[in-house]
Amino acid sequence: MPRLDNVTTYYIYTKDPDFVIEEAFDETLENRDAFVAYSLSQFKLRVGWNVVRLKYRGTILYDNLYNYFDNATFGAVMPDDRFIEIQSKDYISGAYFYYLKDDFPFLITMLIASLRGGLNNGRAQFTFEMFKKDALFIENESQRLALENETQNYLKGNVSEVIPDAGEIESIKSKMKLDIGMKDRPKYDDSKVANMILDNKLTHLMIELYSSDGHNNEL
């Protein structure tokens, strides 16, 4: 149920209309980062920001930030993140981005995607597939903890696999220039871009390790 102002959409549970998901624009989000580590595989790297709220009779049961990718062809609740220590002279730690399949961020993401029918659209499907390269989809918290421990051990002898090089930094900066605004420019120096790439590569590594353990990184 889109509103006339075109900035708020309501998803109403018809069997019990007291349950509503509200997706709304919030002007306070305009200064958030235009680029995030979990959008680096997208054709267009810039992300948009909204707020999503799950309500019951007007009471907020859950709320979070909601990202749009590739000119809003696909959207997702912002993934959770955790930090892992990096044994490198240039980096103290790196973050990885993930969803637990039994938690609200994953469930609301898939519900809104289903209601919009966006995953049946060719371009949305492509954006969705690119998104799955940059976020880990894991069954539950116990699996996440086990994978984090496995990753930490793996990095002891293979930390170079997640360290960004000069070529990767320049490549991402070139892509950013296609979508960057005047307010964004001071935010994205080499150091910040390098940290985004590190987080992205760490997440990719964990997806690979998770898959090699016989799991599927699928939504």
C-alpha atoms as a PDB file:
ATOM      1  CA  MET A   1       0.000   0.000   0.000  1.00  0.00           C
ATOM      2  CA  PRO A   2       2.101   2.989  -1.209  1.00  0.00           C
ATOM      3  CA  ARG A   3       1.287   6.395   0.248  1.00  0.00           C
ATOM      4  CA  LEU A   4       0.564   9.445  -1.890  1.00  0.00           C
ATOM      5  CA  ASP A   5       3.790  11.072  -0.720  1.00  0.00           C
ATOM      6  CA  ASN A   6       5.750   8.223  -2.414  1.00  0.00           C
ATOM      7  CA  VAL A   7       8.106   8.019   0.561  1.00  0.00           C
ATOM      8  CA  THR A   8       6.265   5.431   2.677  1.00  0.00           C
ATOM      9  CA  THR A   9       4.998   1.964   1.758  1.00  0.00           C
ATOM     10  CA  TYR A  10       2.924  -0.274   4.024  1.00  0.00           C
ATOM     11  CA  TYR A  11       2.816  -4.054   3.791  1.00  0.00           C
ATOM     12  CA  ILE A  12      -0.331  -5.169   5.624  1.00  0.00           C
ATOM     13  CA  TYR A  13      -0.999  -8.722   6.800  1.00  0.00           C
ATOM     14  CA  THR A  14      -4.496  -9.267   5.479  1.00  0.00           C
ATOM     15  CA  LYS A  15      -5.314 -12.116   7.903  1.00  0.00           C
ATOM     16  CA  ASP A  16      -4.592  -9.778  10.803  1.00  0.00           C
ATOM     17  CA  PRO A  17      -4.202  -6.129   9.694  1.00  0.00           C
ATOM     18  CA  ASP A  18      -2.807  -5.208  13.120  1.00  0.00           C
ATOM     19  CA  PHE A  19       0.517  -6.520  11.765  1.00  0.00           C
ATOM     20  CA  VAL A  20       2.162  -4.036   9.395  1.00  0.00           C
ATOM     21  CA  ILE A  21       5.611  -3.565   7.885  1.00  0.00           C
ATOM     22  CA  GLU A  22       6.397   0.065   7.176  1.00  0.00           C
ATOM     23  CA  GLU A  23       9.138   1.068   4.758  1.00  0.00           C
ATOM     24  CA  ALA A  24       9.810   4.796   4.974  1.00  0.00           C
ATOM     25  CA  PHE A  25      12.222   7.491   3.888  1.00  0.00           C
ATOM     26  CA  ASP A  26      14.011   9.264   6.728  1.00  0.00           C
ATOM     27  CA  GLU A  27      15.808  12.517   5.919  1.00  0.00           C
ATOM     28  CA  THR A  28      18.286  11.914   8.754  1.00  0.00           C
ATOM     29  CA  LEU A  29      19.778   9.109   6.623  1.00  0.00           C
ATOM     30  CA  GLU A  30      20.900  11.455   3.856  1.00  0.00           C
ATOM     31  CA  ASN A  31      24.362  11.772   5.392  1.00  0.00           C
ATOM     32  CA  ARG A  32      25.001   8.042   5.695  1.00  0.00           C
ATOM     33  CA  ASP A  33      27.665   6.429   3.525  1.00  0.00           C
ATOM     34  CA  ALA A  34      26.782   6.300  -0.151  1.00  0.00           C
ATOM     35  CA  PHE A  35      28.991   3.221  -0.602  1.00  0.00           C
ATOM     36  CA  VAL A  36      29.259   0.162   1.626  1.00  0.00           C
ATOM     37  CA  ALA A  37      31.443  -2.925   1.631  1.00  0.00           C
ATOM     38  CA  TYR A  38      28.482  -5.157   0.802  1.00  0.00           C
ATOM     39  CA  SER A  39      27.688  -3.276  -2.424  1.00  0.00           C
ATOM     40  CA  LEU A  40      31.087  -3.602  -4.124  1.00  0.00           C
ATOM     41  CA  SER A  41      29.986  -6.380  -6.490  1.00  0.00           C
ATOM     42  CA  GLN A  42      27.091  -4.314  -7.832  1.00  0.00           C
ATOM     43  CA  PHE A  43      27.062  -2.749 -11.294  1.00  0.00           C
ATOM     44  CA  LYS A  44      26.392   0.570  -9.561  1.00  0.00           C
ATOM     45  CA  LEU A  45      28.045   0.758  -6.162  1.00  0.00           C
ATOM     46  CA  ARG A  46      25.951   3.519  -4.609  1.00  0.00           C
ATOM     47  CA  VAL A  47      23.260   2.478  -2.126  1.00  0.00           C
ATOM     48  CA  GLY A  48      20.108   4.188  -0.914  1.00  0.00           C
ATOM     49  CA  TRP A  49      18.802   4.221   2.650  1.00  0.00           C
ATOM     50  CA  ASN A  50      15.349   3.790   4.143  1.00  0.00           C
ATOM     51  CA  VAL A  51      13.953   2.650   7.475  1.00  0.00           C
ATOM     52  CA  VAL A  52      11.894  -0.516   7.852  1.00  0.00           C
ATOM     53  CA  ARG A  53       9.642  -1.176  10.865  1.00  0.00           C
ATOM     54  CA  LEU A  54       7.593  -4.180  11.889  1.00  0.00           C
ATOM     55  CA  LYS A  55       4.577  -2.971  13.871  1.00  0.00           C
ATOM     56  CA  TYR A  56       1.701  -4.463  15.830  1.00  0.00           C
ATOM     57  CA  ARG A  57      -1.185  -2.066  16.503  1.00  0.00           C
ATOM     58  CA  GLY A  58       1.200   0.831  15.996  1.00  0.00           C
ATOM     59  CA  THR A  59       3.827  -0.492  18.414  1.00  0.00           C
ATOM     60  CA  ILE A  60       7.235  -1.033  16.842  1.00  0.00           C
ATOM     61  CA  LEU A  61       8.309  -4.636  17.363  1.00  0.00           C
ATOM     62  CA  TYR A  62      11.446  -4.374  15.241  1.00  0.00           C
ATOM     63  CA  ASP A  63      13.156  -1.677  13.195  1.00  0.00           C
ATOM     64  CA  ASN A  64      16.318  -1.451  11.138  1.00  0.00           C
ATOM     65  CA  LEU A  65      17.890   0.313   8.183  1.00  0.00           C
ATOM     66  CA  TYR A  66      16.992  -0.786   4.665  1.00  0.00           C
ATOM     67  CA  ASN A  67      19.289  -0.497   1.643  1.00  0.00           C
ATOM     68  CA  TYR A  68      18.483  -0.121  -2.039  1.00  0.00           C
ATOM     69  CA  PHE A  69      20.917  -1.417  -4.649  1.00  0.00           C
ATOM     70  CA  ASP A  70      21.418  -0.601  -8.336  1.00  0.00           C
ATOM     71  CA  ASN A  71      18.866   2.224  -8.553  1.00  0.00           C
ATOM     72  CA  ALA A  72      16.400   0.396  -6.286  1.00  0.00           C
ATOM     73  CA  THR A  73      16.122  -2.755  -8.401  1.00  0.00           C
ATOM     74  CA  PHE A  74      16.618  -4.787  -5.220  1.00  0.00           C
ATOM     75  CA  GLY A  75      16.390  -3.914  -1.522  1.00  0.00           C
ATOM     76  CA  ALA A  76      17.485  -5.583   1.705  1.00  0.00           C
ATOM     77  CA  VAL A  77      17.506  -4.929   5.415  1.00  0.00           C
ATOM     78  CA  MET A  78      21.050  -3.905   6.330  1.00  0.00           C
ATOM     79  CA  PRO A  79      23.038  -7.042   7.212  1.00  0.00           C
ATOM     80  CA  ASP A  80      24.554  -7.624  10.619  1.00  0.00           C
ATOM     81  CA  ASP A  81      28.311  -7.339  10.967  1.00  0.00           C
ATOM     82  CA  ARG A  82      31.036  -8.718  13.217  1.00  0.00           C
ATOM     83  CA  PHE A  83      34.762  -8.016  13.441  1.00  0.00           C
ATOM     84  CA  ILE A  84      37.644 -10.476  13.169  1.00  0.00           C
ATOM     85  CA  GLU A  85      41.217  -9.741  14.177  1.00  0.00           C
ATOM     86  CA  ILE A  86      43.580  -9.347  11.205  1.00  0.00           C
ATOM     87  CA  GLN A  87      47.226 -10.277  11.771  1.00  0.00           C
ATOM     88  CA  SER A  88      48.645  -7.593   9.480  1.00  0.00           C
ATOM     89  CA  LYS A  89      50.889  -4.599  10.042  1.00  0.00           C
ATOM     90  CA  ASP A  90      48.421  -2.354   8.200  1.00  0.00           C
ATOM     91  CA  TYR A  91      45.077  -3.627   9.555  1.00  0.00           C
ATOM     92  CA  ILE A  92      43.934  -4.423  13.080  1.00  0.00           C
ATOM     93  CA  SER A  93      40.634  -6.062  12.159  1.00  0.00           C
ATOM     94  CA  GLY A  94      38.116  -6.621   9.399  1.00  0.00           C
ATOM     95  CA  ALA A  95      34.331  -6.887   9.370  1.00  0.00           C
ATOM     96  CA  TYR A  96      32.146  -9.447   7.674  1.00  0.00           C
ATOM     97  CA  PHE A  97      28.478  -9.038   6.794  1.00  0.00           C
ATOM     98  CA  TYR A  98      25.887 -11.732   7.318  1.00  0.00           C
ATOM     99  CA  TYR A  99      22.260 -12.760   7.764  1.00  0.00           C
ATOM    100  CA  LEU A 100      20.940 -15.471  10.048  1.00  0.00           C
ATOM    101  CA  LYS A 101      18.151 -17.284   8.251  1.00  0.00           C
ATOM    102  CA  ASP A 102      16.079 -17.496  11.435  1.00  0.00           C
ATOM    103  CA  ASP A 103      16.257 -13.770  12.266  1.00  0.00           C
ATOM    104  CA  PHE A 104      14.313 -10.640  11.287  1.00  0.00           C
ATOM    105  CA  PRO A 105      16.787  -9.034   8.819  1.00  0.00           C
ATOM    106  CA  PHE A 106      16.688 -12.108   6.571  1.00  0.00           C
ATOM    107  CA  LEU A 107      12.972 -12.807   6.991  1.00  0.00           C
ATOM    108  CA  ILE A 108      11.865  -9.223   6.314  1.00  0.00           C
ATOM    109  CA  THR A 109      14.234  -8.915   3.341  1.00  0.00           C
ATOM    110  CA  MET A 110      12.744 -11.988   1.712  1.00  0.00           C
ATOM    111  CA  LEU A 111       9.169 -11.020   2.564  1.00  0.00           C
ATOM    112  CA  ILE A 112       9.442  -7.578   0.954  1.00  0.00           C
ATOM    113  CA  ALA A 113      11.251  -9.021  -2.068  1.00  0.00           C
ATOM    114  CA  SER A 114       8.465 -11.578  -2.479  1.00  0.00           C
ATOM    115  CA  LEU A 115       5.667  -9.029  -2.093  1.00  0.00           C
ATOM    116  CA  ARG A 116       7.236  -6.774  -4.688  1.00  0.00           C
ATOM    117  CA  GLY A 117       7.767  -9.654  -7.092  1.00  0.00           C
ATOM    118  CA  GLY A 118      11.144  -8.140  -7.816  1.00  0.00           C
ATOM    119  CA  LEU A 119      13.073 -11.404  -7.915  1.00  0.00           C
ATOM    120  CA  ASN A 120      11.167 -12.412 -11.046  1.00  0.00           C
ATOM    121  CA  ASN A 121      12.528  -9.370 -12.871  1.00  0.00           C
ATOM    122  CA  GLY A 122      15.704  -9.975 -14.868  1.00  0.00           C
ATOM    123  CA  ARG A 123      17.596  -6.922 -13.676  1.00  0.00           C
ATOM    124  CA  ALA A 124      16.467  -7.389 -10.074  1.00  0.00           C
ATOM    125  CA  GLN A 125      17.557 -11.016 -10.219  1.00  0.00           C
ATOM    126  CA  PHE A 126      21.010  -9.943 -11.420  1.00  0.00           C
ATOM    127  CA  THR A 127      21.294  -7.371  -8.605  1.00  0.00           C
ATOM    128  CA  PHE A 128      20.151 -10.011  -6.143  1.00  0.00           C
ATOM    129  CA  GLU A 129      22.823 -12.442  -7.355  1.00  0.00           C
ATOM    130  CA  MET A 130      25.502  -9.771  -6.995  1.00  0.00           C
ATOM    131  CA  PHE A 131      24.270  -9.033  -3.488  1.00  0.00           C
ATOM    132  CA  LYS A 132      24.669 -12.698  -2.532  1.00  0.00           C
ATOM    133  CA  LYS A 133      28.390 -12.381  -3.341  1.00  0.00           C
ATOM    134  CA  ASP A 134      28.844  -9.702  -0.680  1.00  0.00           C
ATOM    135  CA  ALA A 135      26.863 -11.061   2.277  1.00  0.00           C
ATOM    136  CA  LEU A 136      26.943 -14.378   4.089  1.00  0.00           C
ATOM    137  CA  PHE A 137      23.640 -16.213   4.565  1.00  0.00           C
ATOM    138  CA  ILE A 138      23.981 -18.650   7.427  1.00  0.00           C
ATOM    139  CA  GLU A 139      21.529 -20.968   9.152  1.00  0.00           C
ATOM    140  CA  ASN A 140      21.925 -19.984  12.799  1.00  0.00           C
ATOM    141  CA  GLU A 141      24.140 -18.434  15.450  1.00  0.00           C
ATOM    142  CA  SER A 142      26.002 -21.647  16.287  1.00  0.00           C
ATOM    143  CA  GLN A 143      27.082 -22.033  12.663  1.00  0.00           C
ATOM    144  CA  ARG A 144      28.203 -18.409  12.590  1.00  0.00           C
ATOM    145  CA  LEU A 145      30.392 -18.849  15.652  1.00  0.00           C
ATOM    146  CA  ALA A 146      31.941 -22.029  14.247  1.00  0.00           C
ATOM    147  CA  LEU A 147      32.620 -20.359  10.906  1.00  0.00           C
ATOM    148  CA  GLU A 148      34.149 -17.313  12.592  1.00  0.00           C
ATOM    149  CA  ASN A 149      36.525 -19.563  14.509  1.00  0.00           C
ATOM    150  CA  GLU A 150      37.420 -21.464  11.333  1.00  0.00           C
ATOM    151  CA  THR A 151      38.087 -18.182   9.527  1.00  0.00           C
ATOM    152  CA  GLN A 152      40.260 -16.875  12.342  1.00  0.00           C
ATOM    153  CA  ASN A 153      42.410 -20.008  12.177  1.00  0.00           C
ATOM    154  CA  TYR A 154      42.610 -19.879   8.391  1.00  0.00           C
ATOM    155  CA  LEU A 155      43.773 -16.264   8.405  1.00  0.00           C
ATOM    156  CA  LYS A 156      46.773 -17.083  10.603  1.00  0.00           C
ATOM    157  CA  GLY A 157      48.587 -18.396   7.545  1.00  0.00           C
ATOM    158  CA  ASN A 158      46.621 -16.790   4.721  1.00  0.00           C
ATOM    159  CA  VAL A 159      45.968 -13.198   5.737  1.00  0.00           C
ATOM    160  CA  SER A 160      47.285 -11.909   2.387  1.00  0.00           C
ATOM    161  CA  GLU A 161      44.112 -13.230   0.737  1.00  0.00           C
ATOM    162  CA  VAL A 162      42.024 -10.451   2.283  1.00  0.00           C
ATOM    163  CA  ILE A 163      44.529  -7.567   2.121  1.00  0.00           C
ATOM    164  CA  PRO A 164      43.603  -5.078  -0.663  1.00  0.00           C
ATOM    165  CA  ASP A 165      46.234  -4.064  -3.189  1.00  0.00           C
ATOM    166  CA  ALA A 166      46.713  -0.753  -4.990  1.00  0.00           C
ATOM    167  CA  GLY A 167      45.020  -2.010  -8.155  1.00  0.00           C
ATOM    168  CA  GLU A 168      41.867  -3.050  -6.298  1.00  0.00           C
ATOM    169  CA  ILE A 169      41.710   0.300  -4.534  1.00  0.00           C
ATOM    170  CA  GLU A 170      41.989   2.233  -7.796  1.00  0.00           C
ATOM    171  CA  SER A 171      39.399   0.006  -9.467  1.00  0.00           C
ATOM    172  CA  ILE A 172      36.804   0.613  -6.748  1.00  0.00           C
ATOM    173  CA  LYS A 173      37.541   4.339  -6.653  1.00  0.00           C
ATOM    174  CA  SER A 174      36.994   4.507 -10.423  1.00  0.00           C
ATOM    175  CA  LYS A 175      33.596   2.840 -10.049  1.00  0.00           C
ATOM    176  CA  MET A 176      32.664   5.197  -7.231  1.00  0.00           C
ATOM    177  CA  LYS A 177      33.411   8.220  -9.381  1.00  0.00           C
ATOM    178  CA  LEU A 178      30.523   7.245 -11.657  1.00  0.00           C
ATOM    179  CA  ASP A 179      28.027   7.788  -8.810  1.00  0.00           C
ATOM    180  CA  ILE A 180      29.774  10.036  -6.334  1.00  0.00           C
ATOM    181  CA  GLY A 181      28.270  13.345  -5.201  1.00  0.00           C
ATOM    182  CA  MET A 182      29.954  16.504  -4.021  1.00  0.00           C
ATOM    183  CA  LYS A 183      29.103  15.718  -0.385  1.00  0.00           C
ATOM    184  CA  ASP A 184      30.646  12.255  -0.717  1.00  0.00           C
ATOM    185  CA  ARG A 185      34.114  13.185  -1.934  1.00  0.00           C
ATOM    186  CA  PRO A 186      35.847  13.967   1.361  1.00  0.00           C
ATOM    187  CA  LYS A 187      34.699  10.634   2.801  1.00  0.00           C
ATOM    188  CA  TYR A 188      36.322   8.229   0.375  1.00  0.00           C
ATOM    189  CA  ASP A 189      40.094   8.479   0.550  1.00  0.00           C
ATOM    190  CA  ASP A 190      42.396   5.522  -0.134  1.00  0.00           C
ATOM    191  CA  SER A 191      42.316   4.382   3.502  1.00  0.00           C
ATOM    192  CA  LYS A 192      38.531   4.201   3.708  1.00  0.00           C
ATOM    193  CA  VAL A 193      38.231   2.455   0.346  1.00  0.00           C
ATOM    194  CA  ALA A 194      40.924  -0.031   1.378  1.00  0.00           C
ATOM    195  CA  ASN A 195      39.015  -0.888   4.556  1.00  0.00           C
ATOM    196  CA  MET A 196      35.826  -1.433   2.560  1.00  0.00           C
ATOM    197  CA  ILE A 197      37.668  -3.792   0.213  1.00  0.00           C
ATOM    198  CA  LEU A 198      39.181  -5.655   3.149  1.00  0.00           C
ATOM    199  CA  ASP A 199      35.730  -6.198   4.668  1.00  0.00           C
ATOM    200  CA  ASN A 200      34.369  -7.286   1.291  1.00  0.00           C
ATOM    201  CA  LYS A 201      37.202  -9.780   0.711  1.00  0.00           C
ATOM    202  CA  LEU A 202      36.846 -11.132   4.245  1.00  0.00           C
ATOM    203  CA  THR A 203      33.144 -11.751   3.643  1.00  0.00           C
ATOM    204  CA  HIS A 204      33.935 -13.450   0.318  1.00  0.00           C
ATOM    205  CA  LEU A 205      36.434 -15.705   2.086  1.00  0.00           C
ATOM    206  CA  MET A 206      33.877 -16.701   4.702  1.00  0.00           C
ATOM    207  CA  ILE A 207      31.293 -17.468   2.021  1.00  0.00           C
ATOM    208  CA  GLU A 208      33.860 -19.716   0.335  1.00  0.00           C
ATOM    209  CA  LEU A 209      34.746 -21.485   3.605  1.00  0.00           C
ATOM    210  CA  TYR A 210      31.068 -21.913   4.444  1.00  0.00           C
ATOM    211  CA  SER A 211      30.380 -23.445   1.027  1.00  0.00           C
ATOM    212  CA  SER A 212      33.391 -25.741   1.297  1.00  0.00           C
ATOM    213  CA  ASP A 213      31.934 -27.095   4.548  1.00  0.00           C
ATOM    214  CA  GLY A 214      28.927 -28.322   2.581  1.00  0.00           C
ATOM    215  CA  HIS A 215      26.614 -25.355   3.156  1.00  0.00           C
ATOM    216  CA  ASN A 216      24.917 -23.169   0.564  1.00  0.00           C
ATOM    217  CA  ASN A 217      25.093 -19.362   0.749  1.00  0.00           C
ATOM    218  CA  GLU A 218      21.599 -19.042  -0.624  1.00  0.00           C
ATOM    219  CA  LEU A 219      18.563 -16.956   0.266  1.00  0.00           C
END
